[in-house]
Amino acid sequence: MRTDDLDYELPGSSIAQTPAEPRDSARLLVDAGAGVPPEDRVVRDLPSLVRPGDVVVLNETRVLPARVAVHRPGGGAGEVLLLEEREEGWWEALARPGRKLRPGDVVSSVAGSVRFEVGPDLPDGRKLVRPLAEGDLHDALAGAGEMPLPPYIHEPLEEPDRYQTVFAGERAASAAAPTAGLHLTPAVLDGLRAVGAAVCTVELVVGLDTFRPVTTEQLEDHVIHTERYEVPPATWDEVRAAADDGRRVLAVGTTCVRALESVASRGELAGRTDLFITPGYEYRVVDVLLTNFHLPRSSLLALVEAFVGPRWRDLYATAVDRGYRFLSFGDAMLLHRTAHRPNAPDPARGPAAGGAPA
């Protein structure tokens, strides 16, 4: 597939600069299928759109305040953006100005008291860095770092917790938020449970590559970097039971899709996944998807086309015409998969009930 086929006209005025307030007031474009105009709702209506027995899956990853302004050796400003922890205290990171930060350099945070030892270069403009902090690194980053907002957001974030879901776990690890989950509130979650839906969690540690545009001419030539995921046995049991009973699995965000479909394809409840969902992929777990509007030419848009087919273009055009807000702080859409999945996940390929390999 040509990457150009994932392009569309995104007006700058459609890119949300601030999150909806309150969270569940974000607009929700509800897909009604091919040839049927989508319905305008808001996220707080979600409980009325699910069915008793649906399994709603959330990504409980917590975002790390990973963007740290630094002083370079000899003066000058710089920045370190932590992406993912590696072995022996080293982290994969983006650092700028990259050419002026050489292995062995030590830079100090402008705020707080974190230092970073610069290590060797990695592919794709990344570096290894080793944070040096007294006490717990996460506590130190709380005073030295900022939320790693995407570069298309130019407005300052008044409340850092607005780039954090209300159901995030305690361990901060992600370099970006699972943005569809930003819309949910305790009241919405309580409403889902009240109508008889099961609410479950997974963890997929979100990296920046998830949101980056694809730069290759052919979509299949794009390289997806691996991300860590973990699906608790209790969640997978719920998913398998739904498949057996013909009930729906609703993923809140593309990161939940990748975690669940990775288990189905890999047969492992935890690990690293490089699953790249492109048109033609046969979904085996997810039936309904709550997701934001994504960048043109992105891997996330490829996942959406695999889910609903080319009608995403009509949905996106409708959203632009109706004044929906796009990208990380934007509105959301509720999508129903084009083809019904077979009775999946296949017990022969996924972990059995209770989490034991089949």
Protein backbone atom coordinates (compact mmCIF):
# COMPACT_ATOMS: atom_id res chain seq x y z
CA MET A 1 0.00 0.00 0.00
CA ARG A 2 1.25 3.47 -0.84
CA THR A 3 1.63 5.70 2.19
CA ASP A 4 0.00 8.50 0.16
CA ASP A 5 -3.25 6.55 0.52
CA LEU A 6 -3.24 7.50 4.20
CA ASP A 7 -3.01 11.21 3.49
CA TYR A 8 -5.83 13.69 4.02
CA GLU A 9 -6.25 17.45 4.38
CA LEU A 10 -5.94 18.45 8.04
CA PRO A 11 -6.55 22.16 8.60
CA GLY A 12 -4.38 23.67 11.32
CA SER A 13 -7.50 25.08 12.92
CA SER A 14 -8.77 21.53 13.50
CA ILE A 15 -5.81 20.56 15.74
CA ALA A 16 -6.85 20.83 19.39
CA GLN A 17 -4.44 22.81 21.55
CA THR A 18 -6.13 22.23 24.91
CA PRO A 19 -8.08 19.25 26.29
CA ALA A 20 -11.85 19.28 26.57
CA GLU A 21 -13.16 20.40 29.94
CA PRO A 22 -14.66 18.44 31.52
CA ARG A 23 -13.02 15.39 30.00
CA ASP A 24 -16.21 13.59 29.02
CA SER A 25 -17.59 16.66 27.22
CA ALA A 26 -15.38 15.75 24.24
CA ARG A 27 -17.45 15.13 21.15
CA LEU A 28 -17.92 11.56 19.89
CA LEU A 29 -18.55 10.73 16.24
CA VAL A 30 -20.39 7.40 16.21
CA ASP A 31 -19.84 5.26 13.13
CA ALA A 32 -23.07 3.68 11.90
CA GLY A 33 -21.57 1.69 9.03
CA ALA A 34 -21.08 2.16 5.31
CA GLY A 35 -23.59 4.47 3.65
CA VAL A 36 -25.12 5.68 6.93
CA PRO A 37 -24.33 9.17 8.25
CA PRO A 38 -22.44 9.03 11.55
CA GLU A 39 -24.14 10.33 14.69
CA ASP A 40 -22.92 13.24 16.83
CA ARG A 41 -22.68 12.38 20.52
CA VAL A 42 -20.37 13.19 23.44
CA VAL A 43 -18.11 10.82 25.38
CA ARG A 44 -20.32 10.92 28.48
CA ASP A 45 -22.92 9.11 26.31
CA LEU A 46 -20.64 6.07 25.97
CA PRO A 47 -22.53 3.93 28.55
CA SER A 48 -25.66 4.24 26.39
CA LEU A 49 -23.70 2.94 23.39
CA VAL A 50 -22.40 -0.27 24.94
CA ARG A 51 -24.30 -3.49 25.54
CA PRO A 52 -24.60 -5.65 28.65
CA GLY A 53 -21.76 -8.17 28.47
CA ASP A 54 -19.43 -5.98 26.42
CA VAL A 55 -15.81 -6.08 27.58
CA VAL A 56 -14.27 -2.58 27.70
CA VAL A 57 -10.46 -2.57 27.79
CA LEU A 58 -8.34 0.36 29.03
CA ASN A 59 -4.58 0.97 28.79
CA GLU A 60 -3.56 1.89 32.34
CA THR A 61 -0.04 3.05 31.45
CA ARG A 62 1.12 6.24 33.18
CA VAL A 63 3.03 8.97 31.32
CA LEU A 64 6.48 9.87 32.61
CA PRO A 65 7.34 13.63 32.89
CA ALA A 66 10.12 12.73 30.51
CA ARG A 67 10.95 16.02 28.74
CA VAL A 68 13.81 17.67 30.64
CA ALA A 69 15.39 21.02 29.75
CA VAL A 70 19.16 20.85 30.36
CA HIS A 71 22.30 22.98 30.44
CA ARG A 72 25.01 21.70 28.12
CA PRO A 73 28.69 21.51 29.12
CA GLY A 74 30.23 24.93 28.55
CA GLY A 75 26.84 26.64 28.35
CA GLY A 76 23.93 26.52 25.97
CA ALA A 77 20.47 25.03 26.21
CA GLY A 78 19.41 21.52 25.35
CA GLU A 79 16.78 18.93 26.02
CA VAL A 80 16.60 15.26 26.90
CA LEU A 81 13.43 13.29 26.20
CA LEU A 82 13.44 9.88 27.86
CA LEU A 83 11.75 7.19 25.79
CA GLU A 84 12.30 3.83 27.45
CA GLU A 85 14.47 2.31 30.14
CA ARG A 86 17.16 -0.14 29.02
CA GLU A 87 19.65 -2.23 30.98
CA GLU A 88 21.96 -1.06 33.78
CA GLY A 89 20.31 2.31 34.29
CA TRP A 90 20.55 3.46 30.66
CA TRP A 91 17.59 4.92 28.80
CA GLU A 92 16.78 5.26 25.14
CA ALA A 93 16.24 8.98 24.55
CA LEU A 94 16.03 11.83 22.11
CA ALA A 95 18.52 14.61 22.89
CA ARG A 96 19.11 17.95 21.28
CA PRO A 97 21.19 19.44 19.93
CA GLY A 98 22.24 15.89 19.09
CA ARG A 99 25.45 16.81 17.28
CA LYS A 100 26.76 18.78 20.23
CA LEU A 101 26.07 16.08 22.81
CA ARG A 102 28.85 13.51 22.63
CA PRO A 103 29.44 10.25 24.52
CA GLY A 104 30.82 11.02 27.95
CA ASP A 105 29.21 14.46 28.24
CA VAL A 106 27.17 15.13 31.37
CA VAL A 107 24.30 17.61 31.22
CA SER A 108 22.29 19.00 34.14
CA SER A 109 18.58 19.73 34.33
CA VAL A 110 17.52 23.38 34.40
CA ALA A 111 14.96 22.62 37.12
CA GLY A 112 15.47 20.09 39.86
CA SER A 113 18.67 18.13 40.29
CA VAL A 114 18.87 15.46 37.59
CA ARG A 115 21.98 14.94 35.47
CA PHE A 116 22.34 12.80 32.37
CA GLU A 117 25.44 11.01 31.15
CA VAL A 118 25.40 10.89 27.35
CA GLY A 119 26.10 7.49 25.83
CA PRO A 120 26.45 6.18 22.27
CA ASP A 121 24.19 7.00 19.36
CA LEU A 122 21.35 4.70 18.36
CA PRO A 123 19.53 4.44 15.01
CA ASP A 124 16.88 6.98 14.02
CA GLY A 125 18.46 9.92 15.84
CA ARG A 126 18.24 8.35 19.30
CA LYS A 127 20.88 8.18 21.99
CA LEU A 128 21.53 6.25 25.14
CA VAL A 129 21.61 8.41 28.26
CA ARG A 130 22.02 7.46 31.91
CA PRO A 131 20.04 9.57 34.41
CA LEU A 132 21.96 10.43 37.56
CA ALA A 133 19.71 11.40 40.46
CA GLU A 134 19.75 11.18 44.22
CA GLY A 135 17.01 8.88 45.42
CA ASP A 136 14.17 7.69 43.18
CA LEU A 137 14.46 8.79 39.55
CA HIS A 138 10.70 9.17 39.13
CA ASP A 139 10.54 11.49 42.11
CA ALA A 140 13.44 13.51 40.69
CA LEU A 141 11.78 13.78 37.28
CA ALA A 142 8.62 15.12 38.92
CA GLY A 143 10.65 18.22 39.80
CA ALA A 144 12.85 18.38 36.72
CA GLY A 145 10.69 17.19 33.83
CA GLU A 146 7.56 18.14 31.95
CA MET A 147 4.89 16.12 30.21
CA PRO A 148 6.11 15.18 26.69
CA LEU A 149 3.35 16.86 24.70
CA PRO A 150 3.42 16.32 20.93
CA PRO A 151 5.13 19.05 18.88
CA TYR A 152 1.87 20.17 17.26
CA ILE A 153 0.55 21.34 20.66
CA HIS A 154 1.80 24.87 21.25
CA GLU A 155 -0.32 25.92 24.24
CA PRO A 156 1.15 25.28 27.71
CA LEU A 157 -0.59 22.60 29.75
CA GLU A 158 -1.97 24.22 32.90
CA GLU A 159 -2.58 20.94 34.72
CA PRO A 160 -0.07 18.12 34.00
CA ASP A 161 -2.65 15.53 35.04
CA ARG A 162 -4.72 16.43 31.97
CA TYR A 163 -2.17 14.45 29.93
CA GLN A 164 -2.81 11.48 32.23
CA THR A 165 -5.83 9.18 32.28
CA VAL A 166 -7.90 9.01 35.47
CA PHE A 167 -7.27 5.25 35.62
CA ALA A 168 -3.47 5.33 35.12
CA GLY A 169 -1.48 2.91 37.27
CA GLU A 170 1.22 3.91 39.71
CA ARG A 171 4.30 3.13 37.60
CA ALA A 172 5.16 5.89 35.12
CA ALA A 173 6.79 4.54 31.97
CA SER A 174 5.21 5.91 28.77
CA ALA A 175 6.57 8.68 26.58
CA ALA A 176 3.07 9.58 25.34
CA ALA A 177 -0.46 9.24 26.63
CA PRO A 178 -3.01 6.69 25.41
CA THR A 179 -5.05 9.63 24.23
CA ALA A 180 -8.48 8.03 23.74
CA GLY A 181 -8.48 7.25 27.45
CA LEU A 182 -8.02 10.92 28.35
CA HIS A 183 -11.75 11.45 27.73
CA LEU A 184 -12.99 8.97 30.32
CA THR A 185 -14.07 9.94 33.83
CA PRO A 186 -14.97 7.93 36.93
CA ALA A 187 -18.63 8.68 36.14
CA VAL A 188 -18.31 7.23 32.63
CA LEU A 189 -16.54 4.13 33.95
CA ASP A 190 -19.22 3.68 36.62
CA GLY A 191 -21.86 4.06 33.92
CA LEU A 192 -20.26 1.33 31.81
CA ARG A 193 -20.30 -1.06 34.75
CA ALA A 194 -23.89 -0.09 35.60
CA VAL A 195 -25.15 -1.22 32.18
CA GLY A 196 -23.43 -4.58 32.60
CA ALA A 197 -20.14 -4.07 30.75
CA ALA A 198 -16.93 -5.52 32.18
CA VAL A 199 -14.13 -2.94 32.49
CA CYS A 200 -10.63 -4.44 32.26
CA THR A 201 -7.09 -3.12 31.89
CA VAL A 202 -3.92 -3.85 29.96
CA GLU A 203 -0.60 -2.04 29.89
CA LEU A 204 1.18 -1.04 26.72
CA VAL A 205 4.09 1.34 27.26
CA VAL A 206 3.57 3.98 24.58
CA GLY A 207 6.54 5.19 22.58
CA LEU A 208 6.73 8.22 20.32
CA ASP A 209 6.97 6.03 17.20
CA THR A 210 3.30 5.18 17.61
CA PHE A 211 2.37 8.75 16.68
CA ARG A 212 5.03 9.59 14.12
CA PRO A 213 4.09 9.99 10.45
CA VAL A 214 5.23 7.26 8.08
CA THR A 215 7.99 8.58 5.81
CA THR A 216 8.47 5.60 3.48
CA GLU A 217 6.73 5.54 0.09
CA GLN A 218 5.35 2.07 0.74
CA LEU A 219 3.56 1.53 4.03
CA GLU A 220 5.02 -1.94 4.46
CA ASP A 221 8.58 -0.53 4.44
CA HIS A 222 7.93 1.45 7.63
CA VAL A 223 9.62 0.01 10.71
CA ILE A 224 7.58 -0.12 13.92
CA HIS A 225 9.75 -0.08 17.04
CA THR A 226 8.85 -2.58 19.72
CA GLU A 227 6.80 -1.62 22.76
CA ARG A 228 6.33 -3.47 26.03
CA TYR A 229 2.89 -4.84 26.80
CA GLU A 230 1.24 -6.90 29.51
CA VAL A 231 -2.28 -8.31 29.52
CA PRO A 232 -3.35 -9.60 32.96
CA PRO A 233 -4.72 -13.15 32.95
CA ALA A 234 -8.05 -11.87 34.31
CA THR A 235 -8.40 -9.50 31.35
CA TRP A 236 -7.58 -12.23 28.85
CA ASP A 237 -10.09 -14.55 30.51
CA GLU A 238 -12.78 -11.89 30.02
CA VAL A 239 -11.78 -11.47 26.36
CA ARG A 240 -11.85 -15.23 25.71
CA ALA A 241 -15.21 -15.59 27.44
CA ALA A 242 -16.63 -12.76 25.30
CA ALA A 243 -15.39 -14.50 22.15
CA ASP A 244 -16.96 -17.78 23.23
CA ASP A 245 -20.30 -16.09 23.98
CA GLY A 246 -20.42 -13.83 20.92
CA ARG A 247 -20.10 -10.68 23.01
CA ARG A 248 -18.13 -7.61 21.92
CA VAL A 249 -14.69 -6.39 22.95
CA LEU A 250 -14.39 -2.59 22.94
CA ALA A 251 -10.82 -1.26 22.98
CA VAL A 252 -10.29 2.26 24.31
CA GLY A 253 -7.49 3.42 22.04
CA THR A 254 -5.19 1.91 19.45
CA THR A 255 -2.68 0.94 22.15
CA CYS A 256 -5.24 -1.45 23.64
CA VAL A 257 -5.79 -2.86 20.17
CA ARG A 258 -2.08 -3.58 19.78
CA ALA A 259 -1.83 -5.21 23.20
CA LEU A 260 -4.83 -7.49 22.70
CA GLU A 261 -4.07 -8.42 19.11
CA SER A 262 -0.44 -9.07 20.08
CA VAL A 263 -1.55 -11.68 22.59
CA ALA A 264 -3.79 -13.31 20.00
CA SER A 265 -1.02 -13.44 17.40
CA ARG A 266 1.96 -14.18 19.67
CA GLY A 267 0.36 -16.39 22.28
CA GLU A 268 2.11 -14.49 25.08
CA LEU A 269 0.44 -12.40 27.76
CA ALA A 270 3.48 -10.14 28.14
CA GLY A 271 6.53 -9.19 26.15
CA ARG A 272 7.57 -6.80 23.41
CA THR A 273 5.53 -6.34 20.29
CA ASP A 274 6.32 -4.96 16.85
CA LEU A 275 2.85 -5.76 15.52
CA PHE A 276 2.15 -3.42 12.60
CA ILE A 277 -1.55 -3.48 11.76
CA THR A 278 -2.10 -2.50 8.14
CA PRO A 279 -5.02 -2.88 5.70
CA GLY A 280 -5.66 -6.56 5.14
CA TYR A 281 -4.94 -7.50 8.75
CA GLU A 282 -7.56 -9.88 10.14
CA TYR A 283 -8.63 -8.73 13.60
CA ARG A 284 -9.06 -11.61 16.01
CA VAL A 285 -10.04 -9.84 19.25
CA VAL A 286 -11.37 -6.27 18.96
CA ASP A 287 -14.88 -5.52 17.68
CA VAL A 288 -15.38 -1.85 18.63
CA LEU A 289 -12.79 0.91 18.89
CA LEU A 290 -12.93 4.24 20.72
CA THR A 291 -10.16 6.36 19.25
CA ASN A 292 -9.11 9.93 18.56
CA PHE A 293 -8.56 11.40 15.09
CA HIS A 294 -5.00 10.68 13.94
CA LEU A 295 -2.26 12.35 11.95
CA PRO A 296 -2.17 11.88 8.17
CA ARG A 297 0.23 9.19 6.94
CA SER A 298 0.51 7.61 10.40
CA SER A 299 0.63 3.98 11.48
CA LEU A 300 -2.44 4.66 13.62
CA LEU A 301 -4.42 5.65 10.55
CA ALA A 302 -3.30 2.41 8.88
CA LEU A 303 -4.76 0.54 11.87
CA VAL A 304 -8.03 2.44 11.47
CA GLU A 305 -8.26 1.59 7.77
CA ALA A 306 -7.64 -2.05 8.62
CA PHE A 307 -10.54 -1.78 11.09
CA VAL A 308 -13.23 -0.02 9.03
CA GLY A 309 -11.84 0.03 5.50
CA PRO A 310 -11.64 3.10 3.26
CA ARG A 311 -14.77 4.67 4.76
CA TRP A 312 -12.48 6.32 7.32
CA ARG A 313 -12.07 9.03 4.67
CA ASP A 314 -15.77 9.87 4.76
CA LEU A 315 -15.75 9.82 8.56
CA TYR A 316 -12.74 12.14 8.75
CA ALA A 317 -14.18 14.49 6.13
CA THR A 318 -17.43 14.61 8.07
CA ALA A 319 -15.55 15.35 11.28
CA VAL A 320 -13.71 18.25 9.67
CA ASP A 321 -16.95 19.64 8.22
CA ARG A 322 -18.72 19.36 11.59
CA GLY A 323 -15.93 21.10 13.48
CA TYR A 324 -14.51 18.17 15.44
CA ARG A 325 -11.13 18.68 17.09
CA PHE A 326 -8.27 16.44 16.00
CA LEU A 327 -5.21 14.67 17.46
CA SER A 328 -4.10 14.12 21.08
CA PHE A 329 -6.35 16.68 22.83
CA GLY A 330 -9.09 16.37 20.23
CA ASP A 331 -12.44 14.63 20.08
CA ALA A 332 -13.08 10.93 19.54
CA MET A 333 -14.89 8.49 17.31
CA LEU A 334 -16.54 5.14 18.00
CA LEU A 335 -15.86 2.62 15.23
CA HIS A 336 -17.44 -0.75 14.54
CA ARG A 337 -15.29 -3.24 12.72
CA THR A 338 -16.23 -3.87 9.10
CA ALA A 339 -16.17 -7.67 9.19
CA HIS A 340 -17.27 -9.78 12.14
CA ARG A 341 -14.36 -11.70 13.57
CA PRO A 342 -14.55 -15.48 13.74
CA ASN A 343 -14.93 -16.98 17.19
CA ALA A 344 -11.61 -15.58 18.42
CA PRO A 345 -9.15 -15.53 20.07
CA ASP A 346 -8.27 -18.96 18.74
CA PRO A 347 -7.43 -21.20 21.72
CA ALA A 348 -4.77 -22.90 19.64
CA ARG A 349 -2.82 -19.67 19.25
CA GLY A 350 -3.57 -17.57 22.31
CA PRO A 351 -3.06 -18.21 26.01
CA ALA A 352 -5.71 -20.39 27.59
CA ALA A 353 -8.03 -19.29 30.36
CA GLY A 354 -6.12 -18.43 33.52
CA GLY A 355 -3.14 -17.26 31.48
CA ALA A 356 -1.49 -20.65 30.88
CA PRO A 357 -0.20 -21.22 27.34
CA ALA A 358 -2.56 -23.32 25.26
